[in-house]
Amino acid sequence: MYAKQVVIENKTGLHARPASDFTALAKKFKSKVYIQNMDEEGSCKANAKSIIMLITQGLAQGVTAEISAEGEDEKEAVEELVALVQSKFGEE
């Protein structure tokens, strides 16, 4: 298991288009990929390859998310997804 935390910086958070971009990238990896809202007490890890599960995490601007993966390409998956979030999904 490899995990890293990142702050959601784009103004709209992980709404429909960024969530779609995020899940599309997550699906490219063989590892199981998860995302969790670290600012919400009682939040559970969600399957990052499911847009519905991703949107239910409530990942708005300023929220800290933990991206984790488990499998043969776990580190690459986490690093690329963190980089995508840090790029603000090209919105700014």
N, C-alpha and C. Protein backbone atom coordinates (compact mmCIF):
# COMPACT_ATOMS: atom_id res chain seq x y z
N MET A 1 0.86 -1.19 0.00
CA MET A 1 0.00 0.00 0.00
C MET A 1 0.89 1.23 0.00
N TYR A 2 0.58 2.14 -0.89
CA TYR A 2 1.30 3.41 -0.99
C TYR A 2 0.26 4.51 -0.94
N ALA A 3 0.50 5.55 -0.15
CA ALA A 3 -0.48 6.62 0.01
C ALA A 3 0.21 7.97 0.10
N LYS A 4 -0.53 8.99 -0.30
CA LYS A 4 -0.02 10.36 -0.23
C LYS A 4 -1.21 11.30 -0.07
N GLN A 5 -1.01 12.38 0.68
CA GLN A 5 -2.07 13.35 0.85
C GLN A 5 -1.83 14.56 -0.05
N VAL A 6 -2.93 15.17 -0.48
CA VAL A 6 -2.86 16.33 -1.36
C VAL A 6 -4.06 17.23 -1.05
N VAL A 7 -3.85 18.54 -1.16
CA VAL A 7 -4.94 19.49 -0.96
C VAL A 7 -5.57 19.80 -2.31
N ILE A 8 -6.90 19.76 -2.36
CA ILE A 8 -7.62 20.11 -3.58
C ILE A 8 -7.54 21.62 -3.75
N GLU A 9 -6.91 22.08 -4.83
CA GLU A 9 -6.66 23.51 -5.01
C GLU A 9 -7.54 24.18 -6.06
N ASN A 10 -8.07 23.42 -7.00
CA ASN A 10 -8.89 24.09 -8.02
C ASN A 10 -10.20 24.59 -7.41
N LYS A 11 -10.69 25.71 -7.94
CA LYS A 11 -11.83 26.42 -7.35
C LYS A 11 -13.10 25.57 -7.25
N THR A 12 -13.30 24.68 -8.19
CA THR A 12 -14.55 23.91 -8.21
C THR A 12 -14.43 22.55 -7.54
N GLY A 13 -13.26 22.21 -7.04
CA GLY A 13 -13.08 20.90 -6.41
C GLY A 13 -13.22 19.78 -7.42
N LEU A 14 -13.52 18.59 -6.94
CA LEU A 14 -13.67 17.45 -7.85
C LEU A 14 -15.13 17.31 -8.26
N HIS A 15 -15.59 18.27 -9.06
CA HIS A 15 -16.94 18.20 -9.63
C HIS A 15 -16.89 17.28 -10.85
N ALA A 16 -17.89 17.31 -11.67
CA ALA A 16 -18.05 16.32 -12.75
C ALA A 16 -16.84 16.17 -13.67
N ARG A 17 -16.35 17.24 -14.31
CA ARG A 17 -15.25 17.06 -15.27
C ARG A 17 -13.95 16.63 -14.61
N PRO A 18 -13.50 17.30 -13.53
CA PRO A 18 -12.27 16.82 -12.89
C PRO A 18 -12.42 15.40 -12.34
N ALA A 19 -13.59 15.08 -11.83
CA ALA A 19 -13.82 13.73 -11.32
C ALA A 19 -13.71 12.71 -12.45
N SER A 20 -14.23 13.07 -13.60
CA SER A 20 -14.14 12.19 -14.77
C SER A 20 -12.69 11.99 -15.20
N ASP A 21 -11.92 13.09 -15.21
CA ASP A 21 -10.49 13.00 -15.55
C ASP A 21 -9.75 12.13 -14.54
N PHE A 22 -10.08 12.31 -13.26
CA PHE A 22 -9.41 11.56 -12.19
C PHE A 22 -9.69 10.07 -12.32
N THR A 23 -10.97 9.70 -12.51
CA THR A 23 -11.30 8.27 -12.60
C THR A 23 -10.72 7.66 -13.87
N ALA A 24 -10.69 8.43 -14.96
CA ALA A 24 -10.11 7.91 -16.21
C ALA A 24 -8.64 7.57 -16.01
N LEU A 25 -7.92 8.44 -15.33
CA LEU A 25 -6.50 8.16 -15.06
C LEU A 25 -6.36 6.98 -14.10
N ALA A 26 -7.17 6.94 -13.07
CA ALA A 26 -7.10 5.84 -12.09
C ALA A 26 -7.32 4.49 -12.75
N LYS A 27 -8.21 4.44 -13.73
CA LYS A 27 -8.54 3.18 -14.42
C LYS A 27 -7.39 2.65 -15.27
N LYS A 28 -6.40 3.49 -15.55
CA LYS A 28 -5.26 3.05 -16.36
C LYS A 28 -4.30 2.15 -15.58
N PHE A 29 -4.47 2.10 -14.27
CA PHE A 29 -3.55 1.33 -13.43
C PHE A 29 -4.17 0.00 -13.02
N LYS A 30 -3.31 -1.00 -12.87
CA LYS A 30 -3.77 -2.32 -12.44
C LYS A 30 -4.10 -2.36 -10.96
N SER A 31 -3.45 -1.50 -10.18
CA SER A 31 -3.64 -1.47 -8.72
C SER A 31 -5.06 -1.03 -8.37
N LYS A 32 -5.49 -1.43 -7.19
CA LYS A 32 -6.72 -0.88 -6.61
C LYS A 32 -6.37 0.52 -6.14
N VAL A 33 -7.19 1.50 -6.49
CA VAL A 33 -6.91 2.89 -6.16
C VAL A 33 -8.06 3.44 -5.33
N TYR A 34 -7.70 4.16 -4.26
CA TYR A 34 -8.69 4.71 -3.34
C TYR A 34 -8.45 6.19 -3.12
N ILE A 35 -9.52 6.89 -2.72
CA ILE A 35 -9.40 8.29 -2.32
C ILE A 35 -10.26 8.48 -1.08
N GLN A 36 -9.80 9.35 -0.19
CA GLN A 36 -10.52 9.57 1.06
C GLN A 36 -10.44 11.05 1.44
N ASN A 37 -11.57 11.60 1.87
CA ASN A 37 -11.64 12.97 2.36
C ASN A 37 -11.12 12.96 3.79
N MET A 38 -9.94 13.54 4.01
CA MET A 38 -9.31 13.51 5.33
C MET A 38 -9.86 14.59 6.27
N ASP A 39 -10.63 15.53 5.72
CA ASP A 39 -11.20 16.60 6.54
C ASP A 39 -12.57 16.25 7.10
N GLU A 40 -13.15 15.16 6.63
CA GLU A 40 -14.48 14.76 7.07
C GLU A 40 -14.36 13.58 8.04
N GLU A 41 -14.75 13.83 9.27
CA GLU A 41 -14.67 12.78 10.29
C GLU A 41 -15.55 11.59 9.89
N GLY A 42 -15.02 10.40 10.01
CA GLY A 42 -15.76 9.19 9.69
C GLY A 42 -15.77 8.85 8.22
N SER A 43 -15.03 9.60 7.41
CA SER A 43 -14.97 9.34 5.98
C SER A 43 -14.26 8.00 5.73
N CYS A 44 -14.76 7.26 4.77
CA CYS A 44 -14.16 5.97 4.41
C CYS A 44 -13.47 6.10 3.06
N LYS A 45 -12.55 5.20 2.81
CA LYS A 45 -11.90 5.17 1.51
C LYS A 45 -12.94 4.82 0.45
N ALA A 46 -12.83 5.47 -0.70
CA ALA A 46 -13.73 5.20 -1.82
C ALA A 46 -12.93 4.71 -3.01
N ASN A 47 -13.55 3.88 -3.80
CA ASN A 47 -12.93 3.38 -5.03
C ASN A 47 -12.74 4.55 -5.98
N ALA A 48 -11.50 4.91 -6.26
CA ALA A 48 -11.19 6.06 -7.11
C ALA A 48 -11.45 5.79 -8.59
N LYS A 49 -11.80 4.56 -8.93
CA LYS A 49 -12.11 4.23 -10.31
C LYS A 49 -13.61 4.37 -10.59
N SER A 50 -14.37 4.77 -9.56
CA SER A 50 -15.82 4.96 -9.68
C SER A 50 -16.14 6.44 -9.53
N ILE A 51 -16.67 7.05 -10.58
CA ILE A 51 -16.97 8.48 -10.51
C ILE A 51 -18.02 8.78 -9.45
N ILE A 52 -18.98 7.88 -9.27
CA ILE A 52 -20.02 8.08 -8.25
C ILE A 52 -19.39 8.09 -6.86
N MET A 53 -18.53 7.12 -6.59
CA MET A 53 -17.89 7.05 -5.28
C MET A 53 -16.98 8.26 -5.05
N LEU A 54 -16.33 8.72 -6.10
CA LEU A 54 -15.44 9.87 -6.00
C LEU A 54 -16.23 11.14 -5.65
N ILE A 55 -17.32 11.36 -6.35
CA ILE A 55 -18.12 12.56 -6.12
C ILE A 55 -18.73 12.57 -4.72
N THR A 56 -19.08 11.40 -4.19
CA THR A 56 -19.68 11.35 -2.85
C THR A 56 -18.69 11.71 -1.74
N GLN A 57 -17.41 11.80 -2.07
CA GLN A 57 -16.41 12.17 -1.07
C GLN A 57 -16.47 13.66 -0.71
N GLY A 58 -17.14 14.48 -1.50
CA GLY A 58 -17.26 15.90 -1.20
C GLY A 58 -15.93 16.63 -1.20
N LEU A 59 -15.15 16.41 -2.23
CA LEU A 59 -13.81 16.98 -2.29
C LEU A 59 -13.83 18.37 -2.92
N ALA A 60 -14.09 19.37 -2.09
CA ALA A 60 -14.17 20.76 -2.52
C ALA A 60 -12.80 21.42 -2.38
N GLN A 61 -12.70 22.65 -2.87
CA GLN A 61 -11.45 23.40 -2.75
C GLN A 61 -11.05 23.51 -1.28
N GLY A 62 -9.76 23.27 -1.02
CA GLY A 62 -9.22 23.37 0.33
C GLY A 62 -9.26 22.09 1.14
N VAL A 63 -9.93 21.08 0.66
CA VAL A 63 -10.04 19.80 1.36
C VAL A 63 -8.76 18.98 1.13
N THR A 64 -8.32 18.29 2.17
CA THR A 64 -7.19 17.38 2.05
C THR A 64 -7.71 15.99 1.72
N ALA A 65 -7.17 15.43 0.67
CA ALA A 65 -7.55 14.08 0.24
C ALA A 65 -6.34 13.17 0.37
N GLU A 66 -6.61 11.92 0.71
CA GLU A 66 -5.54 10.92 0.69
C GLU A 66 -5.81 9.99 -0.47
N ILE A 67 -4.82 9.88 -1.34
CA ILE A 67 -4.89 8.97 -2.47
C ILE A 67 -4.00 7.79 -2.14
N SER A 68 -4.55 6.60 -2.23
CA SER A 68 -3.76 5.41 -1.92
C SER A 68 -4.00 4.35 -2.99
N ALA A 69 -3.06 3.45 -3.10
CA ALA A 69 -3.17 2.38 -4.08
C ALA A 69 -2.49 1.13 -3.53
N GLU A 70 -2.97 -0.01 -4.01
CA GLU A 70 -2.41 -1.28 -3.60
C GLU A 70 -2.31 -2.18 -4.82
N GLY A 71 -1.08 -2.57 -5.14
CA GLY A 71 -0.88 -3.43 -6.30
C GLY A 71 0.47 -3.18 -6.94
N GLU A 72 0.66 -3.78 -8.10
CA GLU A 72 1.97 -3.76 -8.74
C GLU A 72 2.44 -2.39 -9.20
N ASP A 73 1.51 -1.48 -9.52
CA ASP A 73 1.91 -0.15 -9.97
C ASP A 73 1.39 0.93 -9.02
N GLU A 74 1.32 0.59 -7.72
CA GLU A 74 0.72 1.48 -6.72
C GLU A 74 1.41 2.84 -6.62
N LYS A 75 2.72 2.85 -6.60
CA LYS A 75 3.43 4.12 -6.44
C LYS A 75 3.21 5.02 -7.64
N GLU A 76 3.32 4.47 -8.82
CA GLU A 76 3.10 5.24 -10.05
C GLU A 76 1.67 5.79 -10.09
N ALA A 77 0.70 4.99 -9.69
CA ALA A 77 -0.70 5.43 -9.68
C ALA A 77 -0.89 6.62 -8.76
N VAL A 78 -0.41 6.52 -7.54
CA VAL A 78 -0.57 7.60 -6.56
C VAL A 78 0.14 8.85 -7.03
N GLU A 79 1.37 8.72 -7.48
CA GLU A 79 2.14 9.88 -7.90
C GLU A 79 1.48 10.60 -9.08
N GLU A 80 0.98 9.86 -10.06
CA GLU A 80 0.34 10.50 -11.21
C GLU A 80 -0.99 11.15 -10.84
N LEU A 81 -1.75 10.53 -9.95
CA LEU A 81 -3.02 11.12 -9.52
C LEU A 81 -2.79 12.36 -8.66
N VAL A 82 -1.79 12.34 -7.81
CA VAL A 82 -1.44 13.53 -7.02
C VAL A 82 -1.02 14.66 -7.96
N ALA A 83 -0.23 14.34 -8.95
CA ALA A 83 0.20 15.36 -9.92
C ALA A 83 -1.00 15.95 -10.66
N LEU A 84 -1.98 15.12 -10.99
CA LEU A 84 -3.18 15.61 -11.66
C LEU A 84 -3.93 16.59 -10.76
N VAL A 85 -4.09 16.25 -9.50
CA VAL A 85 -4.76 17.15 -8.55
C VAL A 85 -3.97 18.45 -8.41
N GLN A 86 -2.67 18.34 -8.30
CA GLN A 86 -1.83 19.53 -8.14
C GLN A 86 -1.83 20.42 -9.38
N SER A 87 -2.15 19.86 -10.54
CA SER A 87 -2.23 20.64 -11.78
C SER A 87 -3.51 21.45 -11.84
N LYS A 88 -4.37 21.28 -10.84
CA LYS A 88 -5.69 21.95 -10.78
C LYS A 88 -6.55 21.59 -11.97
N PHE A 89 -6.30 20.44 -12.56
CA PHE A 89 -7.07 19.90 -13.67
C PHE A 89 -7.12 20.87 -14.86
N GLY A 90 -6.09 21.72 -14.96
CA GLY A 90 -6.02 22.68 -16.06
C GLY A 90 -7.05 23.79 -16.01
N GLU A 91 -7.65 23.99 -14.84
CA GLU A 91 -8.72 24.99 -14.72
C GLU A 91 -8.19 26.40 -14.47
N GLU A 92 -6.93 26.54 -14.14
CA GLU A 92 -6.42 27.89 -13.83
C GLU A 92 -5.16 28.17 -14.61
